[in-house]
Amino acid sequence: MGKNKRAKEMIGIIDRKIVRSNTIRSMGYDVLTRRLEVEFRDKSVYSYFNVPQFIYERSLTKNSINTYLNKLVYKNYDYKKEK
């Protein structure tokens, strides 16, 4: 497989981190596209678009990540259900 083809396949892949949350299993952020990806405990995955990086970074420090994201992200940014 050529290098360019491999690079194109990798676009859009976000490395998620396991988080301590009753609702969220993992989260990841792509700085270039400003896309926040959230995997919930029910295995559903959502992408949220044009989210500022500081929101992702601060969410990782919160006692309740889901409450923080509910206030700042879920209703304020466009999203797509990935699976």
Protein backbone atom coordinates (compact mmCIF):
# COMPACT_ATOMS: atom_id res chain seq x y z
CA MET A 1 0.00 0.00 0.00
CA GLY A 2 1.37 3.40 -0.97
CA LYS A 3 2.26 5.98 1.64
CA ASN A 4 -0.32 8.53 0.38
CA LYS A 5 -3.12 5.98 0.36
CA ARG A 6 -2.28 4.95 3.92
CA ALA A 7 -2.23 8.60 5.04
CA LYS A 8 -5.68 9.20 3.53
CA GLU A 9 -7.06 6.18 5.37
CA MET A 10 -5.75 7.55 8.66
CA ILE A 11 -7.47 10.92 8.29
CA GLY A 12 -10.36 11.08 10.69
CA ILE A 13 -9.02 8.51 13.13
CA ILE A 14 -8.89 9.90 16.64
CA ASP A 15 -6.97 8.20 19.43
CA ARG A 16 -9.37 8.18 22.37
CA LYS A 17 -8.37 8.03 26.03
CA ILE A 18 -10.25 5.93 28.57
CA VAL A 19 -11.83 8.29 31.13
CA ARG A 20 -13.31 7.91 34.59
CA SER A 21 -17.01 8.44 34.07
CA ASN A 22 -20.24 6.56 34.67
CA THR A 23 -21.55 7.63 31.25
CA ILE A 24 -18.51 8.08 29.00
CA ARG A 25 -16.03 5.31 28.23
CA SER A 26 -13.45 7.25 26.18
CA MET A 27 -12.76 10.59 24.52
CA GLY A 28 -10.38 11.99 21.97
CA TYR A 29 -9.69 15.26 20.19
CA ASP A 30 -8.23 16.16 16.80
CA VAL A 31 -6.49 19.55 16.91
CA LEU A 32 -6.44 19.97 13.12
CA THR A 33 -10.16 19.42 12.59
CA ARG A 34 -11.31 20.59 16.05
CA ARG A 35 -13.34 17.41 16.36
CA LEU A 36 -14.20 15.93 19.74
CA GLU A 37 -15.06 12.25 19.71
CA VAL A 38 -16.94 10.71 22.64
CA GLU A 39 -17.59 7.01 23.17
CA PHE A 40 -20.36 6.34 25.66
CA ARG A 41 -20.70 3.27 27.90
CA ASP A 42 -23.46 1.92 25.63
CA LYS A 43 -20.75 1.79 22.87
CA SER A 44 -22.29 4.62 20.84
CA VAL A 45 -19.75 7.08 19.43
CA TYR A 46 -20.44 10.72 18.61
CA SER A 47 -18.29 13.33 16.89
CA TYR A 48 -18.76 16.99 17.82
CA PHE A 49 -17.43 19.54 15.33
CA ASN A 50 -15.52 22.82 15.79
CA VAL A 51 -15.11 22.31 19.52
CA PRO A 52 -12.32 24.46 21.01
CA GLN A 53 -9.39 22.46 22.33
CA PHE A 54 -9.64 24.00 25.80
CA ILE A 55 -13.07 22.41 26.28
CA TYR A 56 -11.61 18.96 25.66
CA GLU A 57 -8.60 19.62 27.90
CA ARG A 58 -10.71 20.98 30.75
CA SER A 59 -13.23 18.15 30.48
CA LEU A 60 -10.47 15.68 31.35
CA THR A 61 -9.94 17.46 34.68
CA LYS A 62 -13.58 17.53 35.77
CA ASN A 63 -15.15 15.26 38.39
CA SER A 64 -18.18 14.85 36.14
CA ILE A 65 -17.08 14.90 32.52
CA ASN A 66 -20.60 14.23 31.24
CA THR A 67 -22.08 17.16 33.20
CA TYR A 68 -19.38 19.46 31.85
CA LEU A 69 -19.92 18.31 28.26
CA ASN A 70 -23.68 18.53 28.69
CA LYS A 71 -23.38 22.20 29.64
CA LEU A 72 -20.85 23.19 26.97
CA VAL A 73 -20.92 20.76 24.06
CA TYR A 74 -23.93 18.52 23.46
CA LYS A 75 -26.44 21.25 22.63
CA ASN A 76 -24.01 23.85 21.29
CA TYR A 77 -22.04 22.05 18.56
CA ASP A 78 -23.00 20.14 15.46
CA TYR A 79 -22.57 16.41 15.85
CA LYS A 80 -22.77 13.14 14.03
CA LYS A 81 -23.44 9.68 15.46
CA GLU A 82 -20.56 7.52 14.24
CA LYS A 83 -21.85 4.21 15.60
